[in-house]
């Protein structure tokens, strides 16, 4: 997922840079180049959002793993405490 986000961000950045090279054109083509530049920025932003999402997902998986391990240990401790010897 991280590699895919890097590829998407690089693609958006390249599209934006190539469109910026064409901004000195005349007439309608300048507006087309500006539109493509903006779209490249959106693509790069989507790649960045995907990267942030994958990082949050990874952190959540690690957190849930440790939480699950703690639950197992707590459950064992409760079972040990509940056993009482009758007099």
PDB file of N, CA and C in Angstrom:
ATOM      1  N   UNK A   1       0.833  -1.187   0.000  1.00  0.00           N
ATOM      2  CA  UNK A   1       0.000   0.000   0.000  1.00  0.00           C
ATOM      3  C   UNK A   1       0.881   1.256   0.000  1.00  0.00           C
ATOM      4  N   UNK A   2       2.002   1.182   0.724  1.00  0.00           N
ATOM      5  CA  UNK A   2       2.892   2.344   0.769  1.00  0.00           C
ATOM      6  C   UNK A   2       3.537   2.578  -0.595  1.00  0.00           C
ATOM      7  N   UNK A   3       3.907   1.495  -1.263  1.00  0.00           N
ATOM      8  CA  UNK A   3       4.510   1.639  -2.581  1.00  0.00           C
ATOM      9  C   UNK A   3       3.522   2.235  -3.572  1.00  0.00           C
ATOM     10  N   UNK A   4       2.287   1.778  -3.495  1.00  0.00           N
ATOM     11  CA  UNK A   4       1.252   2.302  -4.385  1.00  0.00           C
ATOM     12  C   UNK A   4       1.036   3.788  -4.145  1.00  0.00           C
ATOM     13  N   UNK A   5       1.032   4.201  -2.892  1.00  0.00           N
ATOM     14  CA  UNK A   5       0.845   5.623  -2.599  1.00  0.00           C
ATOM     15  C   UNK A   5       2.018   6.450  -3.112  1.00  0.00           C
ATOM     16  N   UNK A   6       3.231   5.924  -3.002  1.00  0.00           N
ATOM     17  CA  UNK A   6       4.391   6.641  -3.536  1.00  0.00           C
ATOM     18  C   UNK A   6       4.310   6.771  -5.049  1.00  0.00           C
ATOM     19  N   UNK A   7       3.862   5.721  -5.712  1.00  0.00           N
ATOM     20  CA  UNK A   7       3.720   5.763  -7.172  1.00  0.00           C
ATOM     21  C   UNK A   7       2.667   6.788  -7.579  1.00  0.00           C
ATOM     22  N   UNK A   8       1.552   6.814  -6.858  1.00  0.00           N
ATOM     23  CA  UNK A   8       0.481   7.759  -7.179  1.00  0.00           C
ATOM     24  C   UNK A   8       0.949   9.195  -6.935  1.00  0.00           C
ATOM     25  N   UNK A   9       1.662   9.431  -5.835  1.00  0.00           N
ATOM     26  CA  UNK A   9       2.163  10.782  -5.565  1.00  0.00           C
ATOM     27  C   UNK A   9       3.180  11.213  -6.617  1.00  0.00           C
ATOM     28  N   UNK A  10       4.055  10.304  -7.023  1.00  0.00           N
ATOM     29  CA  UNK A  10       5.048  10.649  -8.044  1.00  0.00           C
ATOM     30  C   UNK A  10       4.370  10.939  -9.377  1.00  0.00           C
ATOM     31  N   UNK A  11       3.364  10.167  -9.729  1.00  0.00           N
ATOM     32  CA  UNK A  11       2.642  10.393 -10.983  1.00  0.00           C
ATOM     33  C   UNK A  11       1.952  11.752 -10.973  1.00  0.00           C
ATOM     34  N   UNK A  12       1.287  12.069  -9.879  1.00  0.00           N
ATOM     35  CA  UNK A  12       0.636  13.377  -9.771  1.00  0.00           C
ATOM     36  C   UNK A  12       1.624  14.525  -9.827  1.00  0.00           C
ATOM     37  N   UNK A  13       2.770  14.357  -9.194  1.00  0.00           N
ATOM     38  CA  UNK A  13       3.789  15.398  -9.227  1.00  0.00           C
ATOM     39  C   UNK A  13       4.365  15.601 -10.620  1.00  0.00           C
ATOM     40  N   UNK A  14       4.598  14.505 -11.326  1.00  0.00           N
ATOM     41  CA  UNK A  14       5.130  14.611 -12.694  1.00  0.00           C
ATOM     42  C   UNK A  14       4.114  15.261 -13.620  1.00  0.00           C
ATOM     43  N   UNK A  15       2.857  14.883 -13.473  1.00  0.00           N
ATOM     44  CA  UNK A  15       1.811  15.498 -14.298  1.00  0.00           C
ATOM     45  C   UNK A  15       1.751  16.997 -14.036  1.00  0.00           C
ATOM     46  N   UNK A  16       1.806  17.381 -12.775  1.00  0.00           N
ATOM     47  CA  UNK A  16       1.750  18.810 -12.432  1.00  0.00           C
ATOM     48  C   UNK A  16       2.959  19.569 -12.976  1.00  0.00           C
ATOM     49  N   UNK A  17       4.142  18.980 -12.847  1.00  0.00           N
ATOM     50  CA  UNK A  17       5.337  19.675 -13.336  1.00  0.00           C
ATOM     51  C   UNK A  17       5.334  19.816 -14.854  1.00  0.00           C
ATOM     52  N   UNK A  18       4.891  18.792 -15.554  1.00  0.00           N
ATOM     53  CA  UNK A  18       4.826  18.896 -17.010  1.00  0.00           C
ATOM     54  C   UNK A  18       3.781  19.917 -17.446  1.00  0.00           C
ATOM     55  N   UNK A  19       2.677  19.990 -16.716  1.00  0.00           N
ATOM     56  CA  UNK A  19       1.655  20.973 -17.053  1.00  0.00           C
ATOM     57  C   UNK A  19       2.136  22.387 -16.751  1.00  0.00           C
ATOM     58  N   UNK A  20       2.949  22.556 -15.708  1.00  0.00           N
ATOM     59  CA  UNK A  20       3.481  23.886 -15.396  1.00  0.00           C
ATOM     60  C   UNK A  20       4.423  24.381 -16.482  1.00  0.00           C
ATOM     61  N   UNK A  21       5.090  23.463 -17.139  1.00  0.00           N
ATOM     62  CA  UNK A  21       5.977  23.858 -18.247  1.00  0.00           C
ATOM     63  C   UNK A  21       5.194  24.441 -19.415  1.00  0.00           C
ATOM     64  N   UNK A  22       3.923  24.100 -19.524  1.00  0.00           N
ATOM     65  CA  UNK A  22       3.103  24.563 -20.638  1.00  0.00           C
ATOM     66  C   UNK A  22       2.248  25.779 -20.293  1.00  0.00           C
ATOM     67  N   UNK A  23       2.391  26.331 -19.108  1.00  0.00           N
ATOM     68  CA  UNK A  23       1.534  27.440 -18.698  1.00  0.00           C
ATOM     69  C   UNK A  23       1.813  28.732 -19.463  1.00  0.00           C
ATOM     70  N   UNK A  24       2.919  28.806 -20.172  1.00  0.00           N
ATOM     71  CA  UNK A  24       3.204  30.036 -20.916  1.00  0.00           C
ATOM     72  C   UNK A  24       2.584  30.017 -22.315  1.00  0.00           C
ATOM     73  N   UNK A  25       1.766  29.007 -22.597  1.00  0.00           N
ATOM     74  CA  UNK A  25       1.110  28.951 -23.907  1.00  0.00           C
ATOM     75  C   UNK A  25       0.000  30.007 -23.993  1.00  0.00           C
ATOM     76  N   UNK A  26      -0.473  30.231 -25.179  1.00  0.00           N
ATOM     77  CA  UNK A  26      -1.466  31.280 -25.406  1.00  0.00           C
ATOM     78  C   UNK A  26      -2.869  30.693 -25.547  1.00  0.00           C
ATOM     79  N   UNK A  27      -3.827  31.505 -25.182  1.00  0.00           N
ATOM     80  CA  UNK A  27      -5.228  31.188 -25.441  1.00  0.00           C
ATOM     81  C   UNK A  27      -5.783  30.095 -24.550  1.00  0.00           C
ATOM     82  N   UNK A  28      -6.590  29.262 -25.176  1.00  0.00           N
ATOM     83  CA  UNK A  28      -7.319  28.214 -24.458  1.00  0.00           C
ATOM     84  C   UNK A  28      -6.368  27.171 -23.890  1.00  0.00           C
ATOM     85  N   UNK A  29      -5.240  26.937 -24.539  1.00  0.00           N
ATOM     86  CA  UNK A  29      -4.311  25.911 -24.097  1.00  0.00           C
ATOM     87  C   UNK A  29      -3.726  26.219 -22.720  1.00  0.00           C
ATOM     88  N   UNK A  30      -3.638  27.477 -22.379  1.00  0.00           N
ATOM     89  CA  UNK A  30      -3.166  27.854 -21.051  1.00  0.00           C
ATOM     90  C   UNK A  30      -4.155  27.362 -19.991  1.00  0.00           C
ATOM     91  N   UNK A  31      -5.444  27.479 -20.278  1.00  0.00           N
ATOM     92  CA  UNK A  31      -6.452  27.011 -19.332  1.00  0.00           C
ATOM     93  C   UNK A  31      -6.428  25.486 -19.226  1.00  0.00           C
ATOM     94  N   UNK A  32      -6.215  24.805 -20.348  1.00  0.00           N
ATOM     95  CA  UNK A  32      -6.089  23.353 -20.318  1.00  0.00           C
ATOM     96  C   UNK A  32      -4.883  22.933 -19.476  1.00  0.00           C
ATOM     97  N   UNK A  33      -3.774  23.619 -19.655  1.00  0.00           N
ATOM     98  CA  UNK A  33      -2.566  23.301 -18.886  1.00  0.00           C
ATOM     99  C   UNK A  33      -2.796  23.567 -17.398  1.00  0.00           C
ATOM    100  N   UNK A  34      -3.481  24.638 -17.075  1.00  0.00           N
ATOM    101  CA  UNK A  34      -3.798  24.924 -15.674  1.00  0.00           C
ATOM    102  C   UNK A  34      -4.704  23.868 -15.071  1.00  0.00           C
ATOM    103  N   UNK A  35      -5.683  23.426 -15.854  1.00  0.00           N
ATOM    104  CA  UNK A  35      -6.594  22.386 -15.375  1.00  0.00           C
ATOM    105  C   UNK A  35      -5.851  21.081 -15.127  1.00  0.00           C
ATOM    106  N   UNK A  36      -4.961  20.717 -16.061  1.00  0.00           N
ATOM    107  CA  UNK A  36      -4.182  19.494 -15.892  1.00  0.00           C
ATOM    108  C   UNK A  36      -3.251  19.613 -14.691  1.00  0.00           C
ATOM    109  N   UNK A  37      -2.714  20.787 -14.460  1.00  0.00           N
ATOM    110  CA  UNK A  37      -1.850  21.015 -13.303  1.00  0.00           C
ATOM    111  C   UNK A  37      -2.625  20.812 -11.999  1.00  0.00           C
ATOM    112  N   UNK A  38      -3.810  21.327 -11.945  1.00  0.00           N
ATOM    113  CA  UNK A  38      -4.651  21.160 -10.760  1.00  0.00           C
ATOM    114  C   UNK A  38      -5.029  19.705 -10.564  1.00  0.00           C
ATOM    115  N   UNK A  39      -5.363  19.016 -11.645  1.00  0.00           N
ATOM    116  CA  UNK A  39      -5.704  17.597 -11.541  1.00  0.00           C
ATOM    117  C   UNK A  39      -4.505  16.774 -11.060  1.00  0.00           C
ATOM    118  N   UNK A  40      -3.315  17.120 -11.527  1.00  0.00           N
ATOM    119  CA  UNK A  40      -2.112  16.443 -11.032  1.00  0.00           C
ATOM    120  C   UNK A  40      -1.919  16.657  -9.544  1.00  0.00           C
ATOM    121  N   UNK A  41      -2.240  17.858  -9.077  1.00  0.00           N
ATOM    122  CA  UNK A  41      -2.166  18.128  -7.637  1.00  0.00           C
ATOM    123  C   UNK A  41      -3.161  17.285  -6.861  1.00  0.00           C
ATOM    124  N   UNK A  42      -4.355  17.115  -7.399  1.00  0.00           N
ATOM    125  CA  UNK A  42      -5.351  16.266  -6.738  1.00  0.00           C
ATOM    126  C   UNK A  42      -4.894  14.806  -6.701  1.00  0.00           C
ATOM    127  N   UNK A  43      -4.267  14.353  -7.769  1.00  0.00           N
ATOM    128  CA  UNK A  43      -3.770  12.979  -7.801  1.00  0.00           C
ATOM    129  C   UNK A  43      -2.668  12.798  -6.759  1.00  0.00           C
ATOM    130  N   UNK A  44      -1.761  13.766  -6.670  1.00  0.00           N
ATOM    131  CA  UNK A  44      -0.703  13.696  -5.654  1.00  0.00           C
ATOM    132  C   UNK A  44      -1.302  13.730  -4.248  1.00  0.00           C
ATOM    133  N   UNK A  45      -2.325  14.537  -4.036  1.00  0.00           N
ATOM    134  CA  UNK A  45      -2.998  14.594  -2.742  1.00  0.00           C
ATOM    135  C   UNK A  45      -3.689  13.282  -2.396  1.00  0.00           C
ATOM    136  N   UNK A  46      -4.261  12.630  -3.401  1.00  0.00           N
ATOM    137  CA  UNK A  46      -4.897  11.330  -3.164  1.00  0.00           C
ATOM    138  C   UNK A  46      -3.847  10.289  -2.768  1.00  0.00           C
ATOM    139  N   UNK A  47      -2.686  10.340  -3.391  1.00  0.00           N
ATOM    140  CA  UNK A  47      -1.605   9.439  -3.004  1.00  0.00           C
ATOM    141  C   UNK A  47      -1.140   9.676  -1.586  1.00  0.00           C
ATOM    142  N   UNK A  48      -1.050  10.946  -1.191  1.00  0.00           N
ATOM    143  CA  UNK A  48      -0.660  11.277   0.175  1.00  0.00           C
ATOM    144  C   UNK A  48      -1.728  10.792   1.173  1.00  0.00           C
ATOM    145  N   UNK A  49      -2.985  10.982   0.817  1.00  0.00           N
ATOM    146  CA  UNK A  49      -4.064  10.500   1.688  1.00  0.00           C
ATOM    147  C   UNK A  49      -4.028   8.992   1.849  1.00  0.00           C
ATOM    148  N   UNK A  50      -3.713   8.293   0.784  1.00  0.00           N
ATOM    149  CA  UNK A  50      -3.592   6.840   0.848  1.00  0.00           C
ATOM    150  C   UNK A  50      -2.438   6.426   1.749  1.00  0.00           C
ATOM    151  N   UNK A  51      -1.361   7.181   1.699  1.00  0.00           N
ATOM    152  CA  UNK A  51      -0.212   6.886   2.563  1.00  0.00           C
ATOM    153  C   UNK A  51      -0.560   7.099   4.031  1.00  0.00           C
ATOM    154  N   UNK A  52      -1.229   8.195   4.335  1.00  0.00           N
ATOM    155  CA  UNK A  52      -1.635   8.468   5.718  1.00  0.00           C
ATOM    156  C   UNK A  52      -2.599   7.393   6.214  1.00  0.00           C
ATOM    157  N   UNK A  53      -3.516   6.991   5.337  1.00  0.00           N
ATOM    158  CA  UNK A  53      -4.474   5.948   5.703  1.00  0.00           C
ATOM    159  C   UNK A  53      -3.775   4.629   5.991  1.00  0.00           C
ATOM    160  N   UNK A  54      -2.786   4.280   5.186  1.00  0.00           N
ATOM    161  CA  UNK A  54      -2.065   3.025   5.416  1.00  0.00           C
ATOM    162  C   UNK A  54      -1.259   3.087   6.711  1.00  0.00           C
ATOM    163  N   UNK A  55      -0.699   4.250   7.040  1.00  0.00           N
ATOM    164  CA  UNK A  55       0.044   4.389   8.298  1.00  0.00           C
ATOM    165  C   UNK A  55      -0.887   4.244   9.499  1.00  0.00           C
ATOM    166  N   UNK A  56      -2.056   4.868   9.432  1.00  0.00           N
ATOM    167  CA  UNK A  56      -3.026   4.743  10.536  1.00  0.00           C
ATOM    168  C   UNK A  56      -3.494   3.305  10.685  1.00  0.00           C
ATOM    169  N   UNK A  57      -3.701   2.637   9.549  1.00  0.00           N
ATOM    170  CA  UNK A  57      -4.147   1.246   9.583  1.00  0.00           C
ATOM    171  C   UNK A  57      -3.077   0.367  10.221  1.00  0.00           C
ATOM    172  N   UNK A  58      -1.814   0.610   9.882  1.00  0.00           N
ATOM    173  CA  UNK A  58      -0.707  -0.157  10.458  1.00  0.00           C
ATOM    174  C   UNK A  58      -0.616   0.070  11.964  1.00  0.00           C
ATOM    175  N   UNK A  59      -0.734   1.324  12.390  1.00  0.00           N
ATOM    176  CA  UNK A  59      -0.698   1.620  13.813  1.00  0.00           C
ATOM    177  C   UNK A  59      -1.857   0.959  14.551  1.00  0.00           C
ATOM    178  N   UNK A  60      -3.030   0.935  13.921  1.00  0.00           N
ATOM    179  CA  UNK A  60      -4.192   0.322  14.549  1.00  0.00           C
ATOM    180  C   UNK A  60      -4.006  -1.187  14.680  1.00  0.00           C
ATOM    181  N   UNK A  61      -3.403  -1.819  13.678  1.00  0.00           N
ATOM    182  CA  UNK A  61      -3.148  -3.250  13.758  1.00  0.00           C
ATOM    183  C   UNK A  61      -2.180  -3.568  14.891  1.00  0.00           C
ATOM    184  N   UNK A  62      -1.140  -2.759  15.035  1.00  0.00           N
ATOM    185  CA  UNK A  62      -0.175  -2.985  16.119  1.00  0.00           C
ATOM    186  C   UNK A  62      -0.855  -2.785  17.470  1.00  0.00           C
ATOM    187  N   UNK A  63      -1.658  -1.741  17.579  1.00  0.00           N
ATOM    188  CA  UNK A  63      -2.353  -1.460  18.838  1.00  0.00           C
ATOM    189  C   UNK A  63      -3.326  -2.584  19.190  1.00  0.00           C
ATOM    190  N   UNK A  64      -4.059  -3.063  18.212  1.00  0.00           N
ATOM    191  CA  UNK A  64      -5.019  -4.138  18.476  1.00  0.00           C
ATOM    192  C   UNK A  64      -4.302  -5.438  18.833  1.00  0.00           C
ATOM    193  N   UNK A  65      -3.130  -5.672  18.258  1.00  0.00           N
ATOM    194  CA  UNK A  65      -2.365  -6.870  18.596  1.00  0.00           C
ATOM    195  C   UNK A  65      -1.965  -6.846  20.066  1.00  0.00           C
ATOM    196  N   UNK A  66      -1.421  -5.712  20.522  1.00  0.00           N
ATOM    197  CA  UNK A  66      -1.022  -5.620  21.920  1.00  0.00           C
ATOM    198  C   UNK A  66      -2.222  -5.630  22.858  1.00  0.00           C
ATOM    199  N   UNK A  67      -3.318  -5.021  22.439  1.00  0.00           N
ATOM    200  CA  UNK A  67      -4.535  -5.025  23.256  1.00  0.00           C
ATOM    201  C   UNK A  67      -5.064  -6.441  23.385  1.00  0.00           C
ATOM    202  N   UNK A  68      -5.017  -7.198  22.304  1.00  0.00           N
ATOM    203  CA  UNK A  68      -5.497  -8.577  22.317  1.00  0.00           C
ATOM    204  C   UNK A  68      -4.616  -9.435  23.217  1.00  0.00           C
ATOM    205  N   UNK A  69      -3.305  -9.207  23.177  1.00  0.00           N
ATOM    206  CA  UNK A  69      -2.403  -9.951  24.041  1.00  0.00           C
ATOM    207  C   UNK A  69      -2.683  -9.626  25.506  1.00  0.00           C
ATOM    208  N   UNK A  70      -2.936  -8.371  25.810  1.00  0.00           N
ATOM    209  CA  UNK A  70      -3.227  -7.970  27.185  1.00  0.00           C
ATOM    210  C   UNK A  70      -4.532  -8.599  27.659  1.00  0.00           C
ATOM    211  N   UNK A  71      -5.528  -8.708  26.780  1.00  0.00           N
ATOM    212  CA  UNK A  71      -6.786  -9.334  27.163  1.00  0.00           C
ATOM    213  C   UNK A  71      -6.587 -10.805  27.517  1.00  0.00           C
ATOM    214  N   UNK A  72      -5.734 -11.481  26.778  1.00  0.00           N
ATOM    215  CA  UNK A  72      -5.482 -12.890  27.082  1.00  0.00           C
ATOM    216  C   UNK A  72      -4.869 -13.041  28.467  1.00  0.00           C
ATOM    217  N   UNK A  73      -3.914 -12.187  28.780  1.00  0.00           N
ATOM    218  CA  UNK A  73      -3.266 -12.273  30.080  1.00  0.00           C
ATOM    219  C   UNK A  73      -4.220 -11.896  31.205  1.00  0.00           C
ATOM    220  N   UNK A  74      -5.025 -10.882  31.002  1.00  0.00           N
ATOM    221  CA  UNK A  74      -5.986 -10.477  32.026  1.00  0.00           C
ATOM    222  C   UNK A  74      -7.015 -11.569  32.270  1.00  0.00           C
ATOM    223  N   UNK A  75      -7.446 -12.226  31.211  1.00  0.00           N
ATOM    224  CA  UNK A  75      -8.419 -13.307  31.367  1.00  0.00           C
ATOM    225  C   UNK A  75      -7.866 -14.442  32.198  1.00  0.00           C
ATOM    226  N   UNK A  76      -6.606 -14.786  32.007  1.00  0.00           N
ATOM    227  CA  UNK A  76      -5.987 -15.846  32.793  1.00  0.00           C
ATOM    228  C   UNK A  76      -5.891 -15.445  34.257  1.00  0.00           C
ATOM    229  N   UNK A  77      -5.590 -14.196  34.499  1.00  0.00           N
ATOM    230  CA  UNK A  77      -5.463 -13.742  35.878  1.00  0.00           C
ATOM    231  C   UNK A  77      -6.811 -13.774  36.585  1.00  0.00           C
ATOM    232  N   UNK A  78      -7.869 -13.447  35.884  1.00  0.00           N
ATOM    233  CA  UNK A  78      -9.191 -13.467  36.498  1.00  0.00           C
ATOM    234  C   UNK A  78      -9.582 -14.891  36.840  1.00  0.00           C
ATOM    235  N   UNK A  79      -9.287 -15.826  35.961  1.00  0.00           N
ATOM    236  CA  UNK A  79      -9.623 -17.216  36.241  1.00  0.00           C
ATOM    237  C   UNK A  79      -8.856 -17.740  37.441  1.00  0.00           C
ATOM    238  N   UNK A  80      -7.625 -17.354  37.610  1.00  0.00           N
ATOM    239  CA  UNK A  80      -6.824 -17.794  38.761  1.00  0.00           C
ATOM    240  C   UNK A  80      -7.388 -17.202  40.041  1.00  0.00           C
ATOM    241  N   UNK A  81      -7.817 -15.952  40.016  1.00  0.00           N
ATOM    242  CA  UNK A  81      -8.348 -15.312  41.211  1.00  0.00           C
ATOM    243  C   UNK A  81      -9.707 -15.882  41.592  1.00  0.00           C
ATOM    244  N   UNK A  82     -10.505 -16.325  40.646  1.00  0.00           N
ATOM    245  CA  UNK A  82     -11.847 -16.818  40.951  1.00  0.00           C
ATOM    246  C   UNK A  82     -11.819 -18.180  41.638  1.00  0.00           C
ATOM    247  N   UNK A  83     -10.776 -18.916  41.464  1.00  0.00           N
ATOM    248  CA  UNK A  83     -10.712 -20.246  42.091  1.00  0.00           C
ATOM    249  C   UNK A  83     -10.367 -20.071  43.571  1.00  0.00           C
ATOM    250  N   UNK A  84     -11.275 -20.476  44.407  1.00  0.00           N
ATOM    251  CA  UNK A  84     -11.050 -20.384  45.856  1.00  0.00           C
ATOM    252  C   UNK A  84     -11.232 -21.765  46.470  1.00  0.00           C
ATOM    253  N   UNK A  85     -10.444 -22.006  47.461  1.00  0.00           N
ATOM    254  CA  UNK A  85     -10.508 -23.304  48.129  1.00  0.00           C
ATOM    255  C   UNK A  85     -11.603 -23.212  49.197  1.00  0.00           C
ATOM    256  N   UNK A  86     -12.529 -24.150  49.142  1.00  0.00           N
ATOM    257  CA  UNK A  86     -13.614 -24.153  50.120  1.00  0.00           C
ATOM    258  C   UNK A  86     -13.088 -24.712  51.446  1.00  0.00           C
ATOM    259  N   UNK A  87     -13.485 -24.127  52.573  1.00  0.00           N
ATOM    260  CA  UNK A  87     -12.994 -24.624  53.880  1.00  0.00           C
ATOM    261  C   UNK A  87     -13.654 -25.913  54.313  1.00  0.00           C
TER     262      UNK A  87
END
